[in-house]
PDB file of N, CA and C in Angstrom:
ATOM      1  N   MET A   1      17.760  39.549  13.389  1.00  0.00           N
ATOM      2  CA  MET A   1      16.572  39.354  12.582  1.00  0.00           C
ATOM      3  C   MET A   1      16.540  40.337  11.421  1.00  0.00           C
ATOM      4  N   GLY A   2      16.890  41.574  11.610  1.00  0.00           N
ATOM      5  CA  GLY A   2      16.815  42.575  10.545  1.00  0.00           C
ATOM      6  C   GLY A   2      17.801  42.364   9.412  1.00  0.00           C
ATOM      7  N   ALA A   3      19.002  41.864   9.694  1.00  0.00           N
ATOM      8  CA  ALA A   3      20.018  41.665   8.656  1.00  0.00           C
ATOM      9  C   ALA A   3      19.632  40.541   7.711  1.00  0.00           C
ATOM     10  N   GLY A   4      19.007  39.502   8.225  1.00  0.00           N
ATOM     11  CA  GLY A   4      18.605  38.365   7.396  1.00  0.00           C
ATOM     12  C   GLY A   4      17.530  38.736   6.393  1.00  0.00           C
ATOM     13  N   ILE A   5      16.584  39.536   6.817  1.00  0.00           N
ATOM     14  CA  ILE A   5      15.504  39.967   5.932  1.00  0.00           C
ATOM     15  C   ILE A   5      16.074  40.808   4.795  1.00  0.00           C
ATOM     16  N   LYS A   6      16.990  41.694   5.118  1.00  0.00           N
ATOM     17  CA  LYS A   6      17.621  42.521   4.090  1.00  0.00           C
ATOM     18  C   LYS A   6      18.354  41.639   3.084  1.00  0.00           C
ATOM     19  N   LYS A   7      19.081  40.648   3.573  1.00  0.00           N
ATOM     20  CA  LYS A   7      19.823  39.737   2.705  1.00  0.00           C
ATOM     21  C   LYS A   7      18.874  38.956   1.782  1.00  0.00           C
ATOM     22  N   ILE A   8      17.773  38.467   2.345  1.00  0.00           N
ATOM     23  CA  ILE A   8      16.783  37.741   1.556  1.00  0.00           C
ATOM     24  C   ILE A   8      16.251  38.638   0.442  1.00  0.00           C
ATOM     25  N   ARG A   9      15.882  39.851   0.771  1.00  0.00           N
ATOM     26  CA  ARG A   9      15.342  40.784  -0.229  1.00  0.00           C
ATOM     27  C   ARG A   9      16.353  41.069  -1.345  1.00  0.00           C
ATOM     28  N   GLU A  10      17.608  41.262  -0.972  1.00  0.00           N
ATOM     29  CA  GLU A  10      18.647  41.525  -1.971  1.00  0.00           C
ATOM     30  C   GLU A  10      18.826  40.333  -2.914  1.00  0.00           C
ATOM     31  N   LEU A  11      18.871  39.143  -2.345  1.00  0.00           N
ATOM     32  CA  LEU A  11      19.045  37.941  -3.167  1.00  0.00           C
ATOM     33  C   LEU A  11      17.841  37.684  -4.066  1.00  0.00           C
ATOM     34  N   MET A  12      16.649  37.928  -3.554  1.00  0.00           N
ATOM     35  CA  MET A  12      15.442  37.751  -4.359  1.00  0.00           C
ATOM     36  C   MET A  12      15.426  38.744  -5.518  1.00  0.00           C
ATOM     37  N   GLU A  13      15.854  39.966  -5.243  1.00  0.00           N
ATOM     38  CA  GLU A  13      15.906  40.981  -6.302  1.00  0.00           C
ATOM     39  C   GLU A  13      16.937  40.607  -7.365  1.00  0.00           C
ATOM     40  N   GLU A  14      18.103  40.118  -6.952  1.00  0.00           N
ATOM     41  CA  GLU A  14      19.131  39.686  -7.899  1.00  0.00           C
ATOM     42  C   GLU A  14      18.615  38.604  -8.843  1.00  0.00           C
ATOM     43  N   GLU A  15      17.831  37.696  -8.313  1.00  0.00           N
ATOM     44  CA  GLU A  15      17.295  36.584  -9.103  1.00  0.00           C
ATOM     45  C   GLU A  15      15.984  36.941  -9.802  1.00  0.00           C
ATOM     46  N   GLU A  16      15.550  38.190  -9.637  1.00  0.00           N
ATOM     47  CA  GLU A  16      14.306  38.691 -10.221  1.00  0.00           C
ATOM     48  C   GLU A  16      13.103  37.860  -9.789  1.00  0.00           C
ATOM     49  N   LEU A  17      13.073  37.530  -8.514  1.00  0.00           N
ATOM     50  CA  LEU A  17      11.968  36.775  -7.939  1.00  0.00           C
ATOM     51  C   LEU A  17      11.136  37.682  -7.047  1.00  0.00           C
ATOM     52  N   GLU A  18       9.892  37.302  -6.859  1.00  0.00           N
ATOM     53  CA  GLU A  18       8.977  38.084  -6.022  1.00  0.00           C
ATOM     54  C   GLU A  18       9.417  37.993  -4.560  1.00  0.00           C
ATOM     55  N   TYR A  19       9.318  39.113  -3.846  1.00  0.00           N
ATOM     56  CA  TYR A  19       9.692  39.135  -2.441  1.00  0.00           C
ATOM     57  C   TYR A  19       8.802  38.189  -1.640  1.00  0.00           C
ATOM     58  N   PRO A  20       9.352  37.536  -0.647  1.00  0.00           N
ATOM     59  CA  PRO A  20       8.515  36.699   0.216  1.00  0.00           C
ATOM     60  C   PRO A  20       7.687  37.574   1.145  1.00  0.00           C
ATOM     61  N   THR A  21       6.685  36.961   1.762  1.00  0.00           N
ATOM     62  CA  THR A  21       5.898  37.681   2.761  1.00  0.00           C
ATOM     63  C   THR A  21       6.382  37.263   4.142  1.00  0.00           C
ATOM     64  N   PHE A  22       6.372  38.209   5.041  1.00  0.00           N
ATOM     65  CA  PHE A  22       6.825  37.973   6.409  1.00  0.00           C
ATOM     66  C   PHE A  22       5.655  38.186   7.349  1.00  0.00           C
ATOM     67  N   GLU A  23       5.473  37.269   8.296  1.00  0.00           N
ATOM     68  CA  GLU A  23       4.420  37.389   9.296  1.00  0.00           C
ATOM     69  C   GLU A  23       5.026  37.127  10.664  1.00  0.00           C
ATOM     70  N   SER A  24       4.543  37.874  11.626  1.00  0.00           N
ATOM     71  CA  SER A  24       5.035  37.663  12.987  1.00  0.00           C
ATOM     72  C   SER A  24       3.863  37.759  13.951  1.00  0.00           C
ATOM     73  N   ASN A  25       3.402  36.607  14.411  1.00  0.00           N
ATOM     74  CA  ASN A  25       2.384  36.541  15.457  1.00  0.00           C
ATOM     75  C   ASN A  25       3.084  35.960  16.675  1.00  0.00           C
ATOM     76  N   TYR A  26       2.722  34.758  17.016  1.00  0.00           N
ATOM     77  CA  TYR A  26       3.448  34.058  18.063  1.00  0.00           C
ATOM     78  C   TYR A  26       4.701  33.421  17.484  1.00  0.00           C
ATOM     79  N   PHE A  27       4.683  33.201  16.164  1.00  0.00           N
ATOM     80  CA  PHE A  27       5.802  32.628  15.436  1.00  0.00           C
ATOM     81  C   PHE A  27       6.199  33.568  14.317  1.00  0.00           C
ATOM     82  N   PHE A  28       7.404  33.388  13.810  1.00  0.00           N
ATOM     83  CA  PHE A  28       7.895  34.181  12.690  1.00  0.00           C
ATOM     84  C   PHE A  28       7.810  33.297  11.450  1.00  0.00           C
ATOM     85  N   THR A  29       7.087  33.736  10.420  1.00  0.00           N
ATOM     86  CA  THR A  29       6.883  32.926   9.225  1.00  0.00           C
ATOM     87  C   THR A  29       7.295  33.704   7.981  1.00  0.00           C
ATOM     88  N   VAL A  30       8.049  33.040   7.110  1.00  0.00           N
ATOM     89  CA  VAL A  30       8.421  33.607   5.814  1.00  0.00           C
ATOM     90  C   VAL A  30       7.828  32.696   4.748  1.00  0.00           C
ATOM     91  N   THR A  31       7.096  33.291   3.817  1.00  0.00           N
ATOM     92  CA  THR A  31       6.474  32.519   2.741  1.00  0.00           C
ATOM     93  C   THR A  31       7.076  32.934   1.410  1.00  0.00           C
ATOM     94  N   PHE A  32       7.705  31.966   0.738  1.00  0.00           N
ATOM     95  CA  PHE A  32       8.292  32.207  -0.579  1.00  0.00           C
ATOM     96  C   PHE A  32       7.321  31.734  -1.646  1.00  0.00           C
ATOM     97  N   LYS A  33       7.186  32.517  -2.714  1.00  0.00           N
ATOM     98  CA  LYS A  33       6.346  32.118  -3.832  1.00  0.00           C
ATOM     99  C   LYS A  33       7.226  31.478  -4.894  1.00  0.00           C
ATOM    100  N   ARG A  34       6.717  30.428  -5.515  1.00  0.00           N
ATOM    101  CA  ARG A  34       7.472  29.777  -6.578  1.00  0.00           C
ATOM    102  C   ARG A  34       7.564  30.685  -7.794  1.00  0.00           C
ATOM    103  N   PRO A  35       8.698  30.616  -8.501  1.00  0.00           N
ATOM    104  CA  PRO A  35       8.776  31.377  -9.745  1.00  0.00           C
ATOM    105  C   PRO A  35       7.857  30.735 -10.770  1.00  0.00           C
ATOM    106  N   PRO A  36       7.430  31.497 -11.758  1.00  0.00           N
ATOM    107  CA  PRO A  36       6.544  30.927 -12.773  1.00  0.00           C
ATOM    108  C   PRO A  36       7.243  29.783 -13.518  1.00  0.00           C
ATOM    109  N   MET A  37       6.492  28.754 -13.823  1.00  0.00           N
ATOM    110  CA  MET A  37       7.038  27.598 -14.518  1.00  0.00           C
ATOM    111  C   MET A  37       7.072  27.873 -16.010  1.00  0.00           C
ATOM    112  N   HIS A  38       8.205  27.569 -16.628  1.00  0.00           N
ATOM    113  CA  HIS A  38       8.306  27.706 -18.071  1.00  0.00           C
ATOM    114  C   HIS A  38       7.591  26.532 -18.710  1.00  0.00           C
ATOM    115  N   VAL A  39       6.624  26.828 -19.542  1.00  0.00           N
ATOM    116  CA  VAL A  39       5.875  25.779 -20.211  1.00  0.00           C
ATOM    117  C   VAL A  39       5.979  26.001 -21.708  1.00  0.00           C
ATOM    118  N   PRO A  40       6.288  24.965 -22.455  1.00  0.00           N
ATOM    119  CA  PRO A  40       6.373  25.111 -23.900  1.00  0.00           C
ATOM    120  C   PRO A  40       5.048  25.569 -24.494  1.00  0.00           C
ATOM    121  N   ASN A  41       5.090  25.952 -25.743  1.00  0.00           N
ATOM    122  CA  ASN A  41       3.894  26.419 -26.437  1.00  0.00           C
ATOM    123  C   ASN A  41       2.995  25.243 -26.791  1.00  0.00           C
ATOM    124  N   VAL A  42       2.145  24.878 -25.883  1.00  0.00           N
ATOM    125  CA  VAL A  42       1.189  23.811 -26.129  1.00  0.00           C
ATOM    126  C   VAL A  42      -0.206  24.403 -26.094  1.00  0.00           C
ATOM    127  N   PRO A  43      -1.168  23.709 -26.644  1.00  0.00           N
ATOM    128  CA  PRO A  43      -2.531  24.256 -26.644  1.00  0.00           C
ATOM    129  C   PRO A  43      -3.010  24.591 -25.236  1.00  0.00           C
ATOM    130  N   ASP A  44      -3.835  25.613 -25.146  1.00  0.00           N
ATOM    131  CA  ASP A  44      -4.328  26.085 -23.853  1.00  0.00           C
ATOM    132  C   ASP A  44      -5.107  25.029 -23.085  1.00  0.00           C
ATOM    133  N   ASN A  45      -5.679  24.054 -23.797  1.00  0.00           N
ATOM    134  CA  ASN A  45      -6.502  23.069 -23.100  1.00  0.00           C
ATOM    135  C   ASN A  45      -5.689  21.927 -22.491  1.00  0.00           C
ATOM    136  N   VAL A  46      -4.344  21.981 -22.594  1.00  0.00           N
ATOM    137  CA  VAL A  46      -3.496  20.961 -21.969  1.00  0.00           C
ATOM    138  C   VAL A  46      -2.911  21.549 -20.691  1.00  0.00           C
ATOM    139  N   PRO A  47      -3.323  21.024 -19.535  1.00  0.00           N
ATOM    140  CA  PRO A  47      -2.831  21.573 -18.267  1.00  0.00           C
ATOM    141  C   PRO A  47      -1.320  21.368 -18.086  1.00  0.00           C
ATOM    142  N   ASN A  48      -0.677  22.287 -17.380  1.00  0.00           N
ATOM    143  CA  ASN A  48       0.765  22.218 -17.129  1.00  0.00           C
ATOM    144  C   ASN A  48       1.172  20.925 -16.435  1.00  0.00           C
ATOM    145  N   ASP A  49       0.318  20.419 -15.547  1.00  0.00           N
ATOM    146  CA  ASP A  49       0.684  19.200 -14.829  1.00  0.00           C
ATOM    147  C   ASP A  49       0.757  17.988 -15.755  1.00  0.00           C
ATOM    148  N   ILE A  50       0.008  17.994 -16.852  1.00  0.00           N
ATOM    149  CA  ILE A  50       0.081  16.900 -17.827  1.00  0.00           C
ATOM    150  C   ILE A  50       1.411  16.977 -18.576  1.00  0.00           C
ATOM    151  N   ILE A  51       1.820  18.171 -18.955  1.00  0.00           N
ATOM    152  CA  ILE A  51       3.110  18.359 -19.625  1.00  0.00           C
ATOM    153  C   ILE A  51       4.230  17.886 -18.708  1.00  0.00           C
ATOM    154  N   ARG A  52       4.163  18.289 -17.454  1.00  0.00           N
ATOM    155  CA  ARG A  52       5.167  17.877 -16.468  1.00  0.00           C
ATOM    156  C   ARG A  52       5.155  16.351 -16.303  1.00  0.00           C
ATOM    157  N   SER A  53       3.975  15.744 -16.294  1.00  0.00           N
ATOM    158  CA  SER A  53       3.869  14.289 -16.155  1.00  0.00           C
ATOM    159  C   SER A  53       4.519  13.562 -17.332  1.00  0.00           C
ATOM    160  N   VAL A  54       4.287  14.063 -18.546  1.00  0.00           N
ATOM    161  CA  VAL A  54       4.909  13.468 -19.737  1.00  0.00           C
ATOM    162  C   VAL A  54       6.420  13.569 -19.624  1.00  0.00           C
ATOM    163  N   TYR A  55       6.896  14.741 -19.277  1.00  0.00           N
ATOM    164  CA  TYR A  55       8.334  14.984 -19.148  1.00  0.00           C
ATOM    165  C   TYR A  55       8.954  14.060 -18.084  1.00  0.00           C
ATOM    166  N   GLU A  56       8.333  13.958 -16.920  1.00  0.00           N
ATOM    167  CA  GLU A  56       8.855  13.131 -15.837  1.00  0.00           C
ATOM    168  C   GLU A  56       8.828  11.649 -16.204  1.00  0.00           C
ATOM    169  N   TYR A  57       7.787  11.227 -16.914  1.00  0.00           N
ATOM    170  CA  TYR A  57       7.715   9.818 -17.320  1.00  0.00           C
ATOM    171  C   TYR A  57       8.851   9.480 -18.284  1.00  0.00           C
ATOM    172  N   ILE A  58       9.110  10.367 -19.228  1.00  0.00           N
ATOM    173  CA  ILE A  58      10.202  10.159 -20.189  1.00  0.00           C
ATOM    174  C   ILE A  58      11.548  10.161 -19.474  1.00  0.00           C
ATOM    175  N   LYS A  59      11.678  11.004 -18.473  1.00  0.00           N
ATOM    176  CA  LYS A  59      12.913  11.069 -17.695  1.00  0.00           C
ATOM    177  C   LYS A  59      13.238   9.710 -17.074  1.00  0.00           C
ATOM    178  N   LYS A  60      12.212   9.007 -16.626  1.00  0.00           N
ATOM    179  CA  LYS A  60      12.395   7.710 -15.980  1.00  0.00           C
ATOM    180  C   LYS A  60      12.383   6.543 -16.970  1.00  0.00           C
ATOM    181  N   ASN A  61      11.739   6.740 -18.130  1.00  0.00           N
ATOM    182  CA  ASN A  61      11.564   5.660 -19.112  1.00  0.00           C
ATOM    183  C   ASN A  61      11.929   6.180 -20.495  1.00  0.00           C
ATOM    184  N   SER A  62      13.203   6.272 -20.782  1.00  0.00           N
ATOM    185  CA  SER A  62      13.652   6.893 -22.035  1.00  0.00           C
ATOM    186  C   SER A  62      13.250   6.130 -23.292  1.00  0.00           C
ATOM    187  N   SER A  63      12.884   4.876 -23.166  1.00  0.00           N
ATOM    188  CA  SER A  63      12.482   4.108 -24.348  1.00  0.00           C
ATOM    189  C   SER A  63      10.961   3.988 -24.464  1.00  0.00           C
ATOM    190  N   ALA A  64      10.220   4.778 -23.710  1.00  0.00           N
ATOM    191  CA  ALA A  64       8.756   4.703 -23.697  1.00  0.00           C
ATOM    192  C   ALA A  64       8.154   5.081 -25.047  1.00  0.00           C
ATOM    193  N   SER A  65       7.112   4.362 -25.415  1.00  0.00           N
ATOM    194  CA  SER A  65       6.376   4.682 -26.640  1.00  0.00           C
ATOM    195  C   SER A  65       5.285   5.696 -26.310  1.00  0.00           C
ATOM    196  N   VAL A  66       4.697   6.261 -27.353  1.00  0.00           N
ATOM    197  CA  VAL A  66       3.612   7.227 -27.159  1.00  0.00           C
ATOM    198  C   VAL A  66       2.459   6.571 -26.402  1.00  0.00           C
ATOM    199  N   SER A  67       2.113   5.346 -26.764  1.00  0.00           N
ATOM    200  CA  SER A  67       0.987   4.691 -26.090  1.00  0.00           C
ATOM    201  C   SER A  67       1.298   4.399 -24.616  1.00  0.00           C
ATOM    202  N   GLU A  68       2.535   4.042 -24.298  1.00  0.00           N
ATOM    203  CA  GLU A  68       2.913   3.830 -22.891  1.00  0.00           C
ATOM    204  C   GLU A  68       2.799   5.135 -22.109  1.00  0.00           C
ATOM    205  N   ILE A  69       3.268   6.212 -22.716  1.00  0.00           N
ATOM    206  CA  ILE A  69       3.207   7.522 -22.054  1.00  0.00           C
ATOM    207  C   ILE A  69       1.751   7.931 -21.852  1.00  0.00           C
ATOM    208  N   SER A  70       0.924   7.754 -22.878  1.00  0.00           N
ATOM    209  CA  SER A  70      -0.480   8.175 -22.772  1.00  0.00           C
ATOM    210  C   SER A  70      -1.220   7.401 -21.685  1.00  0.00           C
ATOM    211  N   ILE A  71      -0.914   6.111 -21.540  1.00  0.00           N
ATOM    212  CA  ILE A  71      -1.528   5.315 -20.469  1.00  0.00           C
ATOM    213  C   ILE A  71      -1.054   5.827 -19.106  1.00  0.00           C
ATOM    214  N   ALA A  72       0.243   6.105 -18.996  1.00  0.00           N
ATOM    215  CA  ALA A  72       0.817   6.547 -17.720  1.00  0.00           C
ATOM    216  C   ALA A  72       0.252   7.896 -17.270  1.00  0.00           C
ATOM    217  N   VAL A  73       0.027   8.822 -18.208  1.00  0.00           N
ATOM    218  CA  VAL A  73      -0.455  10.158 -17.827  1.00  0.00           C
ATOM    219  C   VAL A  73      -1.962  10.315 -17.967  1.00  0.00           C
ATOM    220  N   GLY A  74      -2.624   9.279 -18.500  1.00  0.00           N
ATOM    221  CA  GLY A  74      -4.083   9.322 -18.592  1.00  0.00           C
ATOM    222  C   GLY A  74      -4.612  10.252 -19.663  1.00  0.00           C
ATOM    223  N   ARG A  75      -3.913  10.370 -20.762  1.00  0.00           N
ATOM    224  CA  ARG A  75      -4.353  11.210 -21.887  1.00  0.00           C
ATOM    225  C   ARG A  75      -4.325  10.402 -23.171  1.00  0.00           C
ATOM    226  N   THR A  76      -4.939  10.912 -24.202  1.00  0.00           N
ATOM    227  CA  THR A  76      -4.972  10.196 -25.481  1.00  0.00           C
ATOM    228  C   THR A  76      -3.608  10.257 -26.165  1.00  0.00           C
ATOM    229  N   ASP A  77      -3.394   9.320 -27.092  1.00  0.00           N
ATOM    230  CA  ASP A  77      -2.157   9.320 -27.876  1.00  0.00           C
ATOM    231  C   ASP A  77      -1.990  10.652 -28.610  1.00  0.00           C
ATOM    232  N   ARG A  78      -3.092  11.160 -29.134  1.00  0.00           N
ATOM    233  CA  ARG A  78      -3.047  12.420 -29.883  1.00  0.00           C
ATOM    234  C   ARG A  78      -2.545  13.573 -29.015  1.00  0.00           C
ATOM    235  N   THR A  79      -3.041  13.667 -27.793  1.00  0.00           N
ATOM    236  CA  THR A  79      -2.610  14.730 -26.880  1.00  0.00           C
ATOM    237  C   THR A  79      -1.131  14.572 -26.552  1.00  0.00           C
ATOM    238  N   VAL A  80      -0.710  13.347 -26.262  1.00  0.00           N
ATOM    239  CA  VAL A  80       0.695  13.093 -25.931  1.00  0.00           C
ATOM    240  C   VAL A  80       1.585  13.431 -27.128  1.00  0.00           C
ATOM    241  N   LYS A  81       1.152  13.082 -28.343  1.00  0.00           N
ATOM    242  CA  LYS A  81       1.940  13.407 -29.539  1.00  0.00           C
ATOM    243  C   LYS A  81       2.112  14.917 -29.694  1.00  0.00           C
ATOM    244  N   ARG A  82       1.045  15.680 -29.416  1.00  0.00           N
ATOM    245  CA  ARG A  82       1.143  17.149 -29.486  1.00  0.00           C
ATOM    246  C   ARG A  82       2.121  17.684 -28.460  1.00  0.00           C
ATOM    247  N   ILE A  83       2.051  17.156 -27.246  1.00  0.00           N
ATOM    248  CA  ILE A  83       2.965  17.596 -26.187  1.00  0.00           C
ATOM    249  C   ILE A  83       4.404  17.259 -26.573  1.00  0.00           C
ATOM    250  N   LEU A  84       4.636  16.033 -27.053  1.00  0.00           N
ATOM    251  CA  LEU A  84       5.981  15.620 -27.452  1.00  0.00           C
ATOM    252  C   LEU A  84       6.511  16.487 -28.587  1.00  0.00           C
ATOM    253  N   LYS A  85       5.653  16.786 -29.565  1.00  0.00           N
ATOM    254  CA  LYS A  85       6.076  17.641 -30.678  1.00  0.00           C
ATOM    255  C   LYS A  85       6.491  19.012 -30.171  1.00  0.00           C
ATOM    256  N   ASP A  86       5.692  19.565 -29.284  1.00  0.00           N
ATOM    257  CA  ASP A  86       6.013  20.888 -28.749  1.00  0.00           C
ATOM    258  C   ASP A  86       7.281  20.867 -27.900  1.00  0.00           C
ATOM    259  N   LEU A  87       7.475  19.805 -27.121  1.00  0.00           N
ATOM    260  CA  LEU A  87       8.700  19.692 -26.335  1.00  0.00           C
ATOM    261  C   LEU A  87       9.922  19.550 -27.254  1.00  0.00           C
ATOM    262  N   LYS A  88       9.760  18.843 -28.354  1.00  0.00           N
ATOM    263  CA  LYS A  88      10.860  18.717 -29.324  1.00  0.00           C
ATOM    264  C   LYS A  88      11.117  20.057 -30.008  1.00  0.00           C
ATOM    265  N   ASP A  89      10.049  20.754 -30.396  1.00  0.00           N
ATOM    266  CA  ASP A  89      10.197  22.066 -31.049  1.00  0.00           C
ATOM    267  C   ASP A  89      10.892  23.071 -30.147  1.00  0.00           C
ATOM    268  N   GLN A  90      10.676  22.953 -28.842  1.00  0.00           N
ATOM    269  CA  GLN A  90      11.296  23.855 -27.868  1.00  0.00           C
ATOM    270  C   GLN A  90      12.739  23.451 -27.562  1.00  0.00           C
ATOM    271  N   GLY A  91      13.178  22.301 -28.087  1.00  0.00           N
ATOM    272  CA  GLY A  91      14.534  21.843 -27.832  1.00  0.00           C
ATOM    273  C   GLY A  91      14.695  21.173 -26.475  1.00  0.00           C
ATOM    274  N   ILE A  92      13.588  20.809 -25.850  1.00  0.00           N
ATOM    275  CA  ILE A  92      13.631  20.173 -24.546  1.00  0.00           C
ATOM    276  C   ILE A  92      13.866  18.673 -24.687  1.00  0.00           C
ATOM    277  N   LEU A  93      13.247  18.069 -25.696  1.00  0.00           N
ATOM    278  CA  LEU A  93      13.390  16.637 -25.960  1.00  0.00           C
ATOM    279  C   LEU A  93      13.880  16.402 -27.377  1.00  0.00           C
ATOM    280  N   GLN A  94      14.508  15.263 -27.572  1.00  0.00           N
ATOM    281  CA  GLN A  94      14.773  14.799 -28.925  1.00  0.00           C
ATOM    282  C   GLN A  94      14.675  13.281 -28.922  1.00  0.00           C
ATOM    283  N   ARG A  95      14.359  12.736 -30.078  1.00  0.00           N
ATOM    284  CA  ARG A  95      14.205  11.297 -30.208  1.00  0.00           C
ATOM    285  C   ARG A  95      15.360  10.759 -31.036  1.00  0.00           C
ATOM    286  N   ASN A  96      16.093   9.812 -30.501  1.00  0.00           N
ATOM    287  CA  ASN A  96      17.178   9.153 -31.222  1.00  0.00           C
ATOM    288  C   ASN A  96      16.715   7.766 -31.619  1.00  0.00           C
ATOM    289  N   GLY A  97      16.768   7.476 -32.902  1.00  0.00           N
ATOM    290  CA  GLY A  97      16.341   6.176 -33.391  1.00  0.00           C
ATOM    291  C   GLY A  97      14.908   6.196 -33.867  1.00  0.00           C
ATOM    292  N   SER A  98      14.401   5.024 -34.169  1.00  0.00           N
ATOM    293  CA  SER A  98      13.045   4.901 -34.714  1.00  0.00           C
ATOM    294  C   SER A  98      11.984   5.036 -33.620  1.00  0.00           C
ATOM    295  N   SER A  99      10.744   5.135 -34.069  1.00  0.00           N
ATOM    296  CA  SER A  99       9.651   5.255 -33.099  1.00  0.00           C
ATOM    297  C   SER A  99       9.463   3.959 -32.308  1.00  0.00           C
ATOM    298  N   ARG A 100       9.911   2.842 -32.848  1.00  0.00           N
ATOM    299  CA  ARG A 100       9.764   1.555 -32.140  1.00  0.00           C
ATOM    300  C   ARG A 100      10.951   1.250 -31.222  1.00  0.00           C
ATOM    301  N   SER A 101      12.161   1.489 -31.711  1.00  0.00           N
ATOM    302  CA  SER A 101      13.323   1.082 -30.918  1.00  0.00           C
ATOM    303  C   SER A 101      14.184   2.253 -30.439  1.00  0.00           C
ATOM    304  N   GLY A 102      13.720   3.472 -30.671  1.00  0.00           N
ATOM    305  CA  GLY A 102      14.502   4.641 -30.285  1.00  0.00           C
ATOM    306  C   GLY A 102      14.404   4.979 -28.817  1.00  0.00           C
ATOM    307  N   GLN A 103      15.104   6.039 -28.453  1.00  0.00           N
ATOM    308  CA  GLN A 103      15.124   6.504 -27.063  1.00  0.00           C
ATOM    309  C   GLN A 103      14.929   8.011 -27.034  1.00  0.00           C
ATOM    310  N   TRP A 104      14.290   8.476 -25.973  1.00  0.00           N
ATOM    311  CA  TRP A 104      14.124   9.905 -25.739  1.00  0.00           C
ATOM    312  C   TRP A 104      15.364  10.434 -25.044  1.00  0.00           C
ATOM    313  N   MET A 105      15.805  11.601 -25.464  1.00  0.00           N
ATOM    314  CA  MET A 105      16.938  12.289 -24.835  1.00  0.00           C
ATOM    315  C   MET A 105      16.434  13.645 -24.355  1.00  0.00           C
ATOM    316  N   ILE A 106      16.762  13.986 -23.127  1.00  0.00           N
ATOM    317  CA  ILE A 106      16.379  15.299 -22.581  1.00  0.00           C
ATOM    318  C   ILE A 106      17.517  16.266 -22.866  1.00  0.00           C
ATOM    319  N   SER A 107      17.219  17.288 -23.659  1.00  0.00           N
ATOM    320  CA  SER A 107      18.223  18.276 -24.053  1.00  0.00           C
ATOM    321  C   SER A 107      18.292  19.438 -23.074  1.00  0.00           C
ATOM    322  N   LYS A 108      17.153  19.830 -22.536  1.00  0.00           N
ATOM    323  CA  LYS A 108      17.064  20.934 -21.574  1.00  0.00           C
ATOM    324  C   LYS A 108      16.126  20.513 -20.455  1.00  0.00           C
ATOM    325  N   GLN A 109      16.291  21.133 -19.318  1.00  0.00           N
ATOM    326  CA  GLN A 109      15.399  20.878 -18.194  1.00  0.00           C
ATOM    327  C   GLN A 109      14.095  21.662 -18.392  1.00  0.00           C
ATOM    328  N   LEU A 110      13.005  21.053 -18.047  1.00  0.00           N
ATOM    329  CA  LEU A 110      11.725  21.736 -18.059  1.00  0.00           C
ATOM    330  C   LEU A 110      11.608  22.476 -16.746  1.00  0.00           C
ATOM    331  N   ARG A 111      11.408  23.783 -16.810  1.00  0.00           N
ATOM    332  CA  ARG A 111      11.331  24.576 -15.580  1.00  0.00           C
ATOM    333  C   ARG A 111       9.921  24.691 -15.100  1.00  0.00           C
TER     334      ARG A 111
END
């Protein structure tokens, strides 16, 4: 039991991640915290889950229009356009072709 905990701590430190918490009652429990999610520079009033939803929708539907995306994520076209612009500015997305017949390309993974 002691060697594994040491190994976990060393690996977490190497990856610059927060140490997990260890609990031992009747059971032994290790709780890992997620690393912070990288979010592009979007306005503060746009929640991270909406950005993630836009990104995931494009991942599955590369030819999606702004209006299709906005319906899928439940936001206005204007909000989706801002998110798309910021994702493009960050180098995460790019658009190949026209706005009507083009396709979205994912250049980097959204963390």
